[in-house]
Amino acid sequence: MTRLDERLEEVALGEIDGLSLREALRKLFTSGLIDRRRCERLAIRREVELLQRRGVPRCEAFEVAAQEFCCSYEKARNAFYDKSI
């Protein structure tokens, strides 16, 4: 961890000092300190993986995840395959 990382960590911690975990996450999301797009993509990817472990074929899992996250099939598929974001 670099010195800059440590300083930024301190700033973020200062924003959530004294808050419960849920309150802290809510504040970090609303202040833009957590990347909502990356979290959404990770959540979609995890949902597809969970459905597959339960025996749902991948294409059907994309459909279910798209419905669950109110997004297109293409967005769900992209979130699953594009692990760079």
Protein backbone atom coordinates (compact mmCIF):
# COMPACT_ATOMS: atom_id res chain seq x y z
CA MET A 1 0.00 0.00 0.00
CA THR A 2 1.39 3.38 -0.96
CA ARG A 3 1.45 6.47 1.20
CA LEU A 4 -1.26 7.97 -1.02
CA ASP A 5 -3.42 4.86 -0.52
CA GLU A 6 -3.02 5.23 3.24
CA ARG A 7 -3.98 8.91 3.11
CA LEU A 8 -7.05 8.17 1.00
CA GLU A 9 -7.99 5.36 3.36
CA GLU A 10 -7.85 7.82 6.25
CA VAL A 11 -10.13 10.24 4.37
CA ALA A 12 -12.66 7.48 3.69
CA LEU A 13 -12.51 6.30 7.31
CA GLY A 14 -13.13 9.87 8.44
CA GLU A 15 -16.31 9.93 6.39
CA ILE A 16 -17.74 6.89 8.15
CA ASP A 17 -16.41 7.29 11.67
CA GLY A 18 -19.01 6.25 14.23
CA LEU A 19 -21.47 4.83 11.73
CA SER A 20 -22.82 1.29 11.63
CA LEU A 21 -21.62 -0.86 8.74
CA ARG A 22 -24.84 -0.37 6.76
CA GLU A 23 -24.85 3.39 7.39
CA ALA A 24 -21.19 3.59 6.39
CA LEU A 25 -21.80 1.74 3.13
CA ARG A 26 -24.81 3.92 2.36
CA LYS A 27 -22.76 7.07 2.96
CA LEU A 28 -19.86 5.83 0.83
CA PHE A 29 -22.26 4.97 -2.01
CA THR A 30 -24.10 8.29 -1.87
CA SER A 31 -20.87 10.27 -1.68
CA GLY A 32 -19.49 8.46 -4.73
CA LEU A 33 -16.56 6.90 -2.90
CA ILE A 34 -17.72 3.40 -3.92
CA ASP A 35 -18.04 2.63 -7.62
CA ARG A 36 -21.68 1.59 -8.05
CA ARG A 37 -21.08 0.26 -11.55
CA ARG A 38 -18.37 -2.14 -10.42
CA CYS A 39 -20.51 -3.32 -7.50
CA GLU A 40 -23.47 -3.91 -9.81
CA ARG A 41 -21.34 -5.91 -12.24
CA LEU A 42 -19.91 -8.00 -9.41
CA ALA A 43 -23.41 -8.64 -8.02
CA ILE A 44 -24.65 -9.76 -11.45
CA ARG A 45 -21.63 -12.02 -11.93
CA ARG A 46 -22.16 -13.61 -8.51
CA GLU A 47 -25.87 -14.13 -9.22
CA VAL A 48 -25.11 -15.91 -12.50
CA GLU A 49 -22.47 -18.07 -10.80
CA LEU A 50 -24.90 -18.96 -8.00
CA LEU A 51 -27.61 -19.91 -10.46
CA GLN A 52 -25.17 -22.07 -12.41
CA ARG A 53 -24.11 -23.89 -9.25
CA ARG A 54 -27.81 -24.63 -8.70
CA GLY A 55 -27.98 -26.24 -12.14
CA VAL A 56 -29.42 -23.39 -14.19
CA PRO A 57 -27.86 -23.26 -17.67
CA ARG A 58 -25.74 -20.16 -18.24
CA CYS A 59 -27.98 -18.47 -20.84
CA GLU A 60 -31.01 -18.92 -18.60
CA ALA A 61 -28.99 -17.60 -15.66
CA PHE A 62 -28.28 -14.45 -17.68
CA GLU A 63 -32.02 -14.02 -18.23
CA VAL A 64 -32.81 -14.46 -14.53
CA ALA A 65 -30.03 -12.09 -13.48
CA ALA A 66 -31.21 -9.50 -16.02
CA GLN A 67 -34.70 -9.63 -14.53
CA GLU A 68 -33.36 -9.52 -10.97
CA PHE A 69 -31.19 -6.47 -11.65
CA CYS A 70 -33.61 -4.75 -14.05
CA CYS A 71 -31.12 -4.71 -16.88
CA SER A 72 -30.76 -6.18 -20.33
CA TYR A 73 -29.65 -9.72 -21.06
CA GLU A 74 -26.65 -8.20 -22.85
CA LYS A 75 -25.62 -6.22 -19.77
CA ALA A 76 -25.84 -9.35 -17.60
CA ARG A 77 -23.82 -11.35 -20.13
CA ASN A 78 -21.22 -8.59 -20.41
CA ALA A 79 -20.92 -8.31 -16.61
CA PHE A 80 -20.27 -12.04 -16.44
CA TYR A 81 -17.66 -12.26 -19.17
CA ASP A 82 -15.85 -8.92 -18.81
CA LYS A 83 -13.95 -9.39 -15.57
CA SER A 84 -11.81 -6.27 -16.13
CA ILE A 85 -14.50 -3.99 -14.75
